[in-house]
């Protein structure tokens, strides 16, 4: 039961991390665009900076997802596959040297 609760809290923290990585750049860029619109008396910078923040947030989420996927211990790792290939090559060399 303790491990199950630990996984739930871990996933909840991960979800919050994804949300923060996406929302913070959007809000900051939107606020900057709104502020610049007010100072410069324009009307398009808010939209421009909003999309810039959305792109930055999307990039952040992508990088976080890739980092989480690479460190996920539930899937077979690439190092396991590399070790398996190395062992197979060693077996082949031993077999060739015996023959």
Protein backbone atom coordinates (compact mmCIF):
# COMPACT_ATOMS: atom_id res chain seq x y z
CA UNK A 1 0.00 0.00 0.00
CA UNK A 2 2.83 2.38 0.81
CA UNK A 3 4.42 1.86 -2.61
CA UNK A 4 1.07 2.52 -4.31
CA UNK A 5 0.65 5.81 -2.42
CA UNK A 6 4.21 6.74 -3.27
CA UNK A 7 3.51 6.22 -6.98
CA UNK A 8 0.34 8.32 -6.79
CA UNK A 9 2.20 11.21 -5.17
CA UNK A 10 5.05 10.86 -7.64
CA UNK A 11 2.66 11.04 -10.58
CA UNK A 12 0.80 13.97 -9.04
CA UNK A 13 4.09 15.83 -8.60
CA UNK A 14 5.03 15.01 -12.18
CA UNK A 15 1.69 16.33 -13.43
CA UNK A 16 2.21 19.56 -11.48
CA UNK A 17 5.69 19.86 -12.91
CA UNK A 18 4.34 19.54 -16.46
CA UNK A 19 1.70 22.18 -15.71
CA UNK A 20 4.23 24.62 -14.29
CA UNK A 21 6.64 24.10 -17.17
CA UNK A 22 3.82 24.95 -19.60
CA UNK A 23 1.91 27.70 -17.77
CA UNK A 24 4.70 29.85 -16.34
CA UNK A 25 6.20 30.84 -19.72
CA UNK A 26 2.73 31.52 -21.12
CA UNK A 27 1.75 33.78 -18.21
CA UNK A 28 5.08 35.60 -18.10
CA UNK A 29 5.18 36.24 -21.84
CA UNK A 30 1.51 37.24 -21.89
CA UNK A 31 2.06 39.70 -19.06
CA UNK A 32 5.13 41.12 -20.82
CA UNK A 33 3.16 41.46 -24.06
CA UNK A 34 0.26 43.16 -22.29
CA UNK A 35 2.64 45.53 -20.48
CA UNK A 36 4.42 46.40 -23.74
CA UNK A 37 1.07 46.95 -25.45
CA UNK A 38 0.12 49.42 -22.73
CA UNK A 39 3.47 51.25 -22.87
CA UNK A 40 3.74 51.38 -26.66
CA UNK A 41 -0.01 51.77 -27.31
CA UNK A 42 -0.12 48.82 -29.69
CA UNK A 43 -2.52 45.90 -29.83
CA UNK A 44 -0.64 42.96 -31.28
CA UNK A 45 2.26 42.34 -28.88
CA UNK A 46 0.09 40.50 -26.36
CA UNK A 47 -0.87 37.90 -28.98
CA UNK A 48 2.68 37.65 -30.28
CA UNK A 49 4.15 37.13 -26.82
CA UNK A 50 1.37 34.71 -25.87
CA UNK A 51 2.31 32.42 -28.75
CA UNK A 52 6.00 32.88 -27.94
CA UNK A 53 5.25 31.73 -24.38
CA UNK A 54 3.23 28.78 -25.69
CA UNK A 55 6.16 27.72 -27.86
CA UNK A 56 8.58 28.04 -24.94
CA UNK A 57 6.20 26.07 -22.70
CA UNK A 58 5.80 23.36 -25.31
CA UNK A 59 9.57 23.07 -25.59
CA UNK A 60 9.89 22.84 -21.81
CA UNK A 61 7.26 20.10 -21.62
CA UNK A 62 8.93 18.19 -24.45
CA UNK A 63 12.32 18.32 -22.73
CA UNK A 64 10.81 17.29 -19.40
CA UNK A 65 8.93 14.39 -21.01
CA UNK A 66 12.08 13.21 -22.73
CA UNK A 67 14.03 13.39 -19.46
CA UNK A 68 11.29 11.47 -17.62
CA UNK A 69 11.12 8.84 -20.37
CA UNK A 70 14.90 8.39 -20.36
CA UNK A 71 14.98 7.90 -16.59
CA UNK A 72 11.92 5.63 -16.40
CA UNK A 73 12.93 2.41 -14.66
CA UNK A 74 9.87 0.41 -15.74
CA UNK A 75 11.04 -0.03 -19.32
CA UNK A 76 14.11 -1.93 -20.46
CA UNK A 77 16.96 0.52 -20.67
CA UNK A 78 19.28 0.99 -23.59
CA UNK A 79 22.19 0.03 -21.37
CA UNK A 80 20.56 -3.36 -20.80
CA UNK A 81 20.29 -3.87 -24.56
CA UNK A 82 23.89 -2.73 -25.03
CA UNK A 83 25.09 -5.14 -22.33
CA UNK A 84 23.14 -7.96 -23.96
CA UNK A 85 24.78 -7.25 -27.32
CA UNK A 86 28.20 -7.14 -25.69
CA UNK A 87 27.61 -10.52 -24.01
CA UNK A 88 26.50 -12.04 -27.31
CA UNK A 89 29.64 -10.76 -29.03
CA UNK A 90 31.81 -12.21 -26.27
CA UNK A 91 30.07 -15.59 -26.68
CA UNK A 92 30.70 -15.46 -30.42
CA UNK A 93 34.40 -14.68 -29.86
CA UNK A 94 34.75 -17.56 -27.41
CA UNK A 95 33.01 -19.88 -29.79
CA UNK A 96 35.27 -18.79 -32.70
CA UNK A 97 38.41 -19.18 -30.59
CA UNK A 98 37.38 -22.71 -29.53
CA UNK A 99 36.83 -23.81 -33.11
